[in-house]
ModelCIF file with pLDDT and N, C-alpha, C, O atoms, coordinates in Angstrom:
data_MODEL
#
_entry.id   MODEL 
#
_entity.id                         1 
_entity.type                       polymer 
_entity.pdbx_number_of_molecules   1 
#
_entity_poly.entity_id                      1 
_entity_poly.type                           'polypeptide(L)' 
_entity_poly.nstd_linkage                   no 
_entity_poly.nstd_monomer                   no 
_entity_poly.pdbx_seq_one_letter_code       
;(UNK)(UNK)(UNK)(UNK)(UNK)(UNK)(UNK)(UNK)(UNK)(UNK)(UNK)(UNK)(UNK)(UNK)(UNK)(UNK)
(UNK)(UNK)(UNK)(UNK)(UNK)(UNK)(UNK)(UNK)(UNK)(UNK)(UNK)(UNK)(UNK)(UNK)(UNK)(UNK)
;
_entity_poly.pdbx_seq_one_letter_code_can   XXXXXXXXXXXXXXXXXXXXXXXXXXXXXXXX 
_entity_poly.pdbx_strand_id                 A 
#
loop_
_entity_poly_seq.entity_id 
_entity_poly_seq.num 
_entity_poly_seq.mon_id 
_entity_poly_seq.hetero 
1 1  UNK n 
1 2  UNK n 
1 3  UNK n 
1 4  UNK n 
1 5  UNK n 
1 6  UNK n 
1 7  UNK n 
1 8  UNK n 
1 9  UNK n 
1 10 UNK n 
1 11 UNK n 
1 12 UNK n 
1 13 UNK n 
1 14 UNK n 
1 15 UNK n 
1 16 UNK n 
1 17 UNK n 
1 18 UNK n 
1 19 UNK n 
1 20 UNK n 
1 21 UNK n 
1 22 UNK n 
1 23 UNK n 
1 24 UNK n 
1 25 UNK n 
1 26 UNK n 
1 27 UNK n 
1 28 UNK n 
1 29 UNK n 
1 30 UNK n 
1 31 UNK n 
1 32 UNK n 
#
_struct_asym.id          A 
_struct_asym.entity_id   1 
#
loop_
_ma_qa_metric.id 
_ma_qa_metric.mode 
_ma_qa_metric.name 
_ma_qa_metric.software_group_id 
_ma_qa_metric.type 
1 global pLDDT . pLDDT 
2 local  pLDDT . pLDDT 
#
_ma_qa_metric_global.metric_id      1 
_ma_qa_metric_global.metric_value   98.00 
_ma_qa_metric_global.model_id       1 
_ma_qa_metric_global.ordinal_id     1 
#
loop_
_ma_qa_metric_local.label_asym_id 
_ma_qa_metric_local.label_comp_id 
_ma_qa_metric_local.label_seq_id 
_ma_qa_metric_local.metric_id 
_ma_qa_metric_local.metric_value 
_ma_qa_metric_local.model_id 
_ma_qa_metric_local.ordinal_id 
A UNK 1  2 98.00 1 1  
A UNK 2  2 98.00 1 2  
A UNK 3  2 98.00 1 3  
A UNK 4  2 98.00 1 4  
A UNK 5  2 98.00 1 5  
A UNK 6  2 98.00 1 6  
A UNK 7  2 98.00 1 7  
A UNK 8  2 98.00 1 8  
A UNK 9  2 98.00 1 9  
A UNK 10 2 98.00 1 10 
A UNK 11 2 98.00 1 11 
A UNK 12 2 98.00 1 12 
A UNK 13 2 98.00 1 13 
A UNK 14 2 98.00 1 14 
A UNK 15 2 98.00 1 15 
A UNK 16 2 98.00 1 16 
A UNK 17 2 98.00 1 17 
A UNK 18 2 98.00 1 18 
A UNK 19 2 98.00 1 19 
A UNK 20 2 98.00 1 20 
A UNK 21 2 98.00 1 21 
A UNK 22 2 98.00 1 22 
A UNK 23 2 98.00 1 23 
A UNK 24 2 98.00 1 24 
A UNK 25 2 98.00 1 25 
A UNK 26 2 98.00 1 26 
A UNK 27 2 98.00 1 27 
A UNK 28 2 98.00 1 28 
A UNK 29 2 98.00 1 29 
A UNK 30 2 98.00 1 30 
A UNK 31 2 98.00 1 31 
A UNK 32 2 98.00 1 32 
#
loop_
_atom_site.group_PDB 
_atom_site.id 
_atom_site.type_symbol 
_atom_site.label_atom_id 
_atom_site.label_alt_id 
_atom_site.label_comp_id 
_atom_site.label_asym_id 
_atom_site.label_entity_id 
_atom_site.label_seq_id 
_atom_site.pdbx_PDB_ins_code 
_atom_site.Cartn_x 
_atom_site.Cartn_y 
_atom_site.Cartn_z 
_atom_site.occupancy 
_atom_site.B_iso_or_equiv 
_atom_site.pdbx_formal_charge 
_atom_site.auth_seq_id 
_atom_site.auth_comp_id 
_atom_site.auth_asym_id 
_atom_site.auth_atom_id 
_atom_site.pdbx_PDB_model_num 
ATOM 1   N N  . UNK A 1 1  ? 0.895   -1.235 0.002  1.00 98.00 ? 1  UNK A N  1 
ATOM 2   C CA . UNK A 1 1  ? -0.002  0.034  -0.017 1.00 98.00 ? 1  UNK A CA 1 
ATOM 3   C C  . UNK A 1 1  ? 0.883   1.243  0.035  1.00 98.00 ? 1  UNK A C  1 
ATOM 4   O O  . UNK A 1 1  ? 1.802   1.333  0.850  1.00 98.00 ? 1  UNK A O  1 
ATOM 5   N N  . UNK A 1 2  ? 0.589   2.191  -0.867 1.00 98.00 ? 2  UNK A N  1 
ATOM 6   C CA . UNK A 1 2  ? 1.397   3.426  -0.921 1.00 98.00 ? 2  UNK A CA 1 
ATOM 7   C C  . UNK A 1 2  ? 1.128   4.341  0.241  1.00 98.00 ? 2  UNK A C  1 
ATOM 8   O O  . UNK A 1 2  ? 2.049   4.822  0.901  1.00 98.00 ? 2  UNK A O  1 
ATOM 9   N N  . UNK A 1 3  ? -0.148  4.580  0.486  1.00 98.00 ? 3  UNK A N  1 
ATOM 10  C CA . UNK A 1 3  ? -0.593  5.603  1.443  1.00 98.00 ? 3  UNK A CA 1 
ATOM 11  C C  . UNK A 1 3  ? -0.601  5.043  2.975  1.00 98.00 ? 3  UNK A C  1 
ATOM 12  O O  . UNK A 1 3  ? -0.890  3.881  3.260  1.00 98.00 ? 3  UNK A O  1 
ATOM 13  N N  . UNK A 1 4  ? -0.263  5.980  3.850  1.00 98.00 ? 4  UNK A N  1 
ATOM 14  C CA . UNK A 1 4  ? -0.366  5.587  5.281  1.00 98.00 ? 4  UNK A CA 1 
ATOM 15  C C  . UNK A 1 4  ? -1.791  5.386  5.658  1.00 98.00 ? 4  UNK A C  1 
ATOM 16  O O  . UNK A 1 4  ? -2.094  4.527  6.486  1.00 98.00 ? 4  UNK A O  1 
ATOM 17  N N  . UNK A 1 5  ? -2.689  6.155  5.075  1.00 98.00 ? 5  UNK A N  1 
ATOM 18  C CA . UNK A 1 5  ? -4.145  6.006  5.396  1.00 98.00 ? 5  UNK A CA 1 
ATOM 19  C C  . UNK A 1 5  ? -4.774  5.242  4.129  1.00 98.00 ? 5  UNK A C  1 
ATOM 20  O O  . UNK A 1 5  ? -4.325  5.390  2.993  1.00 98.00 ? 5  UNK A O  1 
ATOM 21  N N  . UNK A 1 6  ? -5.774  4.476  4.420  1.00 98.00 ? 6  UNK A N  1 
ATOM 22  C CA . UNK A 1 6  ? -6.382  3.603  3.323  1.00 98.00 ? 6  UNK A CA 1 
ATOM 23  C C  . UNK A 1 6  ? -7.505  4.325  2.658  1.00 98.00 ? 6  UNK A C  1 
ATOM 24  O O  . UNK A 1 6  ? -8.072  3.746  1.731  1.00 98.00 ? 6  UNK A O  1 
ATOM 25  N N  . UNK A 1 7  ? -7.884  5.476  3.000  1.00 98.00 ? 7  UNK A N  1 
ATOM 26  C CA . UNK A 1 7  ? -9.098  6.122  2.484  1.00 98.00 ? 7  UNK A CA 1 
ATOM 27  C C  . UNK A 1 7  ? -9.051  6.235  0.932  1.00 98.00 ? 7  UNK A C  1 
ATOM 28  O O  . UNK A 1 7  ? -10.038 5.918  0.268  1.00 98.00 ? 7  UNK A O  1 
ATOM 29  N N  . UNK A 1 8  ? -7.918  6.681  0.360  1.00 98.00 ? 8  UNK A N  1 
ATOM 30  C CA . UNK A 1 8  ? -7.918  6.861  -1.059 1.00 98.00 ? 8  UNK A CA 1 
ATOM 31  C C  . UNK A 1 8  ? -7.845  5.604  -1.896 1.00 98.00 ? 8  UNK A C  1 
ATOM 32  O O  . UNK A 1 8  ? -8.279  5.565  -3.047 1.00 98.00 ? 8  UNK A O  1 
ATOM 33  N N  . UNK A 1 9  ? -7.276  4.567  -1.279 1.00 98.00 ? 9  UNK A N  1 
ATOM 34  C CA . UNK A 1 9  ? -7.017  3.328  -2.086 1.00 98.00 ? 9  UNK A CA 1 
ATOM 35  C C  . UNK A 1 9  ? -7.974  2.159  -1.828 1.00 98.00 ? 9  UNK A C  1 
ATOM 36  O O  . UNK A 1 9  ? -7.845  1.064  -2.376 1.00 98.00 ? 9  UNK A O  1 
ATOM 37  N N  . UNK A 1 10 ? -8.967  2.475  -0.932 1.00 98.00 ? 10 UNK A N  1 
ATOM 38  C CA . UNK A 1 10 ? -9.885  1.321  -0.613 1.00 98.00 ? 10 UNK A CA 1 
ATOM 39  C C  . UNK A 1 10 ? -11.205 1.912  -0.180 1.00 98.00 ? 10 UNK A C  1 
ATOM 40  O O  . UNK A 1 10 ? -11.375 3.131  -0.144 1.00 98.00 ? 10 UNK A O  1 
ATOM 41  N N  . UNK A 1 11 ? -12.136 1.038  0.148  1.00 98.00 ? 11 UNK A N  1 
ATOM 42  C CA . UNK A 1 11 ? -13.465 1.572  0.667  1.00 98.00 ? 11 UNK A CA 1 
ATOM 43  C C  . UNK A 1 11 ? -13.509 1.566  2.180  1.00 98.00 ? 11 UNK A C  1 
ATOM 44  O O  . UNK A 1 11 ? -14.568 1.589  2.807  1.00 98.00 ? 11 UNK A O  1 
ATOM 45  N N  . UNK A 1 12 ? -12.330 1.534  2.726  1.00 98.00 ? 12 UNK A N  1 
ATOM 46  C CA . UNK A 1 12 ? -12.179 1.696  4.174  1.00 98.00 ? 12 UNK A CA 1 
ATOM 47  C C  . UNK A 1 12 ? -11.603 3.009  4.510  1.00 98.00 ? 12 UNK A C  1 
ATOM 48  O O  . UNK A 1 12 ? -11.436 3.847  3.624  1.00 98.00 ? 12 UNK A O  1 
ATOM 49  N N  . UNK A 1 13 ? -11.283 3.239  5.757  1.00 98.00 ? 13 UNK A N  1 
ATOM 50  C CA . UNK A 1 13 ? -10.780 4.544  6.220  1.00 98.00 ? 13 UNK A CA 1 
ATOM 51  C C  . UNK A 1 13 ? -9.909  4.353  7.411  1.00 98.00 ? 13 UNK A C  1 
ATOM 52  O O  . UNK A 1 13 ? -10.050 3.393  8.168  1.00 98.00 ? 13 UNK A O  1 
ATOM 53  N N  . UNK A 1 14 ? -8.976  5.306  7.576  1.00 98.00 ? 14 UNK A N  1 
ATOM 54  C CA . UNK A 1 14 ? -8.164  5.323  8.740  1.00 98.00 ? 14 UNK A CA 1 
ATOM 55  C C  . UNK A 1 14 ? -6.701  4.910  8.396  1.00 98.00 ? 14 UNK A C  1 
ATOM 56  O O  . UNK A 1 14 ? -6.359  4.632  7.247  1.00 98.00 ? 14 UNK A O  1 
ATOM 57  N N  . UNK A 1 15 ? -5.887  4.890  9.436  1.00 98.00 ? 15 UNK A N  1 
ATOM 58  C CA . UNK A 1 15 ? -4.486  4.583  9.361  1.00 98.00 ? 15 UNK A CA 1 
ATOM 59  C C  . UNK A 1 15 ? -4.225  3.093  9.216  1.00 98.00 ? 15 UNK A C  1 
ATOM 60  O O  . UNK A 1 15 ? -4.682  2.276  10.016 1.00 98.00 ? 15 UNK A O  1 
ATOM 61  N N  . UNK A 1 16 ? -3.483  2.767  8.179  1.00 98.00 ? 16 UNK A N  1 
ATOM 62  C CA . UNK A 1 16 ? -3.318  1.272  7.901  1.00 98.00 ? 16 UNK A CA 1 
ATOM 63  C C  . UNK A 1 16 ? -2.752  0.570  9.109  1.00 98.00 ? 16 UNK A C  1 
ATOM 64  O O  . UNK A 1 16 ? -3.192  -0.521 9.470  1.00 98.00 ? 16 UNK A O  1 
ATOM 65  N N  . UNK A 1 17 ? -1.769  1.201  9.737  1.00 98.00 ? 17 UNK A N  1 
ATOM 66  C CA . UNK A 1 17 ? -0.999  0.566  10.852 1.00 98.00 ? 17 UNK A CA 1 
ATOM 67  C C  . UNK A 1 17 ? -1.907  0.272  12.102 1.00 98.00 ? 17 UNK A C  1 
ATOM 68  O O  . UNK A 1 17 ? -1.510  -0.456 13.012 1.00 98.00 ? 17 UNK A O  1 
ATOM 69  N N  . UNK A 1 18 ? -3.125  0.861  12.104 1.00 98.00 ? 18 UNK A N  1 
ATOM 70  C CA . UNK A 1 18 ? -4.068  0.557  13.149 1.00 98.00 ? 18 UNK A CA 1 
ATOM 71  C C  . UNK A 1 18 ? -4.920  -0.709 12.909 1.00 98.00 ? 18 UNK A C  1 
ATOM 72  O O  . UNK A 1 18 ? -5.669  -1.134 13.788 1.00 98.00 ? 18 UNK A O  1 
ATOM 73  N N  . UNK A 1 19 ? -4.801  -1.262 11.786 1.00 98.00 ? 19 UNK A N  1 
ATOM 74  C CA . UNK A 1 19 ? -5.523  -2.502 11.356 1.00 98.00 ? 19 UNK A CA 1 
ATOM 75  C C  . UNK A 1 19 ? -4.645  -3.731 11.409 1.00 98.00 ? 19 UNK A C  1 
ATOM 76  O O  . UNK A 1 19 ? -3.445  -3.667 11.140 1.00 98.00 ? 19 UNK A O  1 
ATOM 77  N N  . UNK A 1 20 ? -5.260  -4.865 11.762 1.00 98.00 ? 20 UNK A N  1 
ATOM 78  C CA . UNK A 1 20 ? -4.517  -6.159 11.563 1.00 98.00 ? 20 UNK A CA 1 
ATOM 79  C C  . UNK A 1 20 ? -4.741  -6.530 10.044 1.00 98.00 ? 20 UNK A C  1 
ATOM 80  O O  . UNK A 1 20 ? -5.543  -5.898 9.356  1.00 98.00 ? 20 UNK A O  1 
ATOM 81  N N  . UNK A 1 21 ? -4.037  -7.527 9.578  1.00 98.00 ? 21 UNK A N  1 
ATOM 82  C CA . UNK A 1 21 ? -4.155  -7.963 8.217  1.00 98.00 ? 21 UNK A CA 1 
ATOM 83  C C  . UNK A 1 21 ? -5.515  -8.557 7.990  1.00 98.00 ? 21 UNK A C  1 
ATOM 84  O O  . UNK A 1 21 ? -6.083  -8.333 6.922  1.00 98.00 ? 21 UNK A O  1 
ATOM 85  N N  . UNK A 1 22 ? -6.057  -9.271 8.880  1.00 98.00 ? 22 UNK A N  1 
ATOM 86  C CA . UNK A 1 22 ? -7.398  -9.825 8.631  1.00 98.00 ? 22 UNK A CA 1 
ATOM 87  C C  . UNK A 1 22 ? -8.482  -8.790 8.613  1.00 98.00 ? 22 UNK A C  1 
ATOM 88  O O  . UNK A 1 22 ? -9.473  -8.928 7.896  1.00 98.00 ? 22 UNK A O  1 
ATOM 89  N N  . UNK A 1 23 ? -8.298  -7.720 9.420  1.00 98.00 ? 23 UNK A N  1 
ATOM 90  C CA . UNK A 1 23 ? -9.225  -6.548 9.345  1.00 98.00 ? 23 UNK A CA 1 
ATOM 91  C C  . UNK A 1 23 ? -9.160  -5.828 8.024  1.00 98.00 ? 23 UNK A C  1 
ATOM 92  O O  . UNK A 1 23 ? -10.170 -5.335 7.522  1.00 98.00 ? 23 UNK A O  1 
ATOM 93  N N  . UNK A 1 24 ? -7.967  -5.767 7.457  1.00 98.00 ? 24 UNK A N  1 
ATOM 94  C CA . UNK A 1 24 ? -7.830  -5.125 6.179  1.00 98.00 ? 24 UNK A CA 1 
ATOM 95  C C  . UNK A 1 24 ? -8.469  -5.873 5.037  1.00 98.00 ? 24 UNK A C  1 
ATOM 96  O O  . UNK A 1 24 ? -8.915  -5.293 4.048  1.00 98.00 ? 24 UNK A O  1 
ATOM 97  N N  . UNK A 1 25 ? -8.499  -7.190 5.205  1.00 98.00 ? 25 UNK A N  1 
ATOM 98  C CA . UNK A 1 25 ? -9.089  -8.033 4.182  1.00 98.00 ? 25 UNK A CA 1 
ATOM 99  C C  . UNK A 1 25 ? -10.652 -7.778 4.013  1.00 98.00 ? 25 UNK A C  1 
ATOM 100 O O  . UNK A 1 25 ? -11.260 -8.231 3.043  1.00 98.00 ? 25 UNK A O  1 
ATOM 101 N N  . UNK A 1 26 ? -11.226 -7.079 4.944  1.00 98.00 ? 26 UNK A N  1 
ATOM 102 C CA . UNK A 1 26 ? -12.652 -6.745 4.811  1.00 98.00 ? 26 UNK A CA 1 
ATOM 103 C C  . UNK A 1 26 ? -12.925 -5.608 3.785  1.00 98.00 ? 26 UNK A C  1 
ATOM 104 O O  . UNK A 1 26 ? -14.062 -5.339 3.400  1.00 98.00 ? 26 UNK A O  1 
ATOM 105 N N  . UNK A 1 27 ? -11.817 -4.966 3.374  1.00 98.00 ? 27 UNK A N  1 
ATOM 106 C CA . UNK A 1 27 ? -11.993 -3.818 2.473  1.00 98.00 ? 27 UNK A CA 1 
ATOM 107 C C  . UNK A 1 27 ? -11.625 -4.147 1.033  1.00 98.00 ? 27 UNK A C  1 
ATOM 108 O O  . UNK A 1 27 ? -10.831 -5.054 0.785  1.00 98.00 ? 27 UNK A O  1 
ATOM 109 N N  . UNK A 1 28 ? -12.186 -3.429 0.103  1.00 98.00 ? 28 UNK A N  1 
ATOM 110 C CA . UNK A 1 28 ? -11.916 -3.587 -1.329 1.00 98.00 ? 28 UNK A CA 1 
ATOM 111 C C  . UNK A 1 28 ? -10.820 -2.599 -1.730 1.00 98.00 ? 28 UNK A C  1 
ATOM 112 O O  . UNK A 1 28 ? -11.038 -1.390 -1.645 1.00 98.00 ? 28 UNK A O  1 
ATOM 113 N N  . UNK A 1 29 ? -9.658  -3.071 -2.162 1.00 98.00 ? 29 UNK A N  1 
ATOM 114 C CA . UNK A 1 29 ? -8.633  -2.231 -2.589 1.00 98.00 ? 29 UNK A CA 1 
ATOM 115 C C  . UNK A 1 29 ? -8.572  -2.058 -4.178 1.00 98.00 ? 29 UNK A C  1 
ATOM 116 O O  . UNK A 1 29 ? -7.702  -1.421 -4.772 1.00 98.00 ? 29 UNK A O  1 
ATOM 117 N N  . UNK A 1 30 ? -9.554  -2.675 -4.713 1.00 98.00 ? 30 UNK A N  1 
ATOM 118 C CA . UNK A 1 30 ? -9.734  -2.580 -6.181 1.00 98.00 ? 30 UNK A CA 1 
ATOM 119 C C  . UNK A 1 30 ? -10.850 -1.658 -6.534 1.00 98.00 ? 30 UNK A C  1 
ATOM 120 O O  . UNK A 1 30 ? -11.062 -0.651 -5.858 1.00 98.00 ? 30 UNK A O  1 
ATOM 121 N N  . UNK A 1 31 ? -11.588 -1.980 -7.599 1.00 98.00 ? 31 UNK A N  1 
ATOM 122 C CA . UNK A 1 31 ? -12.756 -1.253 -7.992 1.00 98.00 ? 31 UNK A CA 1 
ATOM 123 C C  . UNK A 1 31 ? -13.989 -2.179 -7.844 1.00 98.00 ? 31 UNK A C  1 
ATOM 124 O O  . UNK A 1 31 ? -13.913 -3.337 -7.433 1.00 98.00 ? 31 UNK A O  1 
ATOM 125 N N  . UNK A 1 32 ? -15.114 -1.569 -8.212 1.00 98.00 ? 32 UNK A N  1 
ATOM 126 C CA . UNK A 1 32 ? -16.326 -2.441 -8.154 1.00 98.00 ? 32 UNK A CA 1 
ATOM 127 C C  . UNK A 1 32 ? -16.306 -3.497 -9.246 1.00 98.00 ? 32 UNK A C  1 
ATOM 128 O O  . UNK A 1 32 ? -17.233 -4.302 -9.344 1.00 98.00 ? 32 UNK A O  1 
#
């Protein structure tokens, strides 16, 4: 992931380092 925050690159929000890997898997980092 390029950004420190996942807002721009996914449908999630917040600081990437505040999430576990399994929590990040809940978000879409691609397109619809």
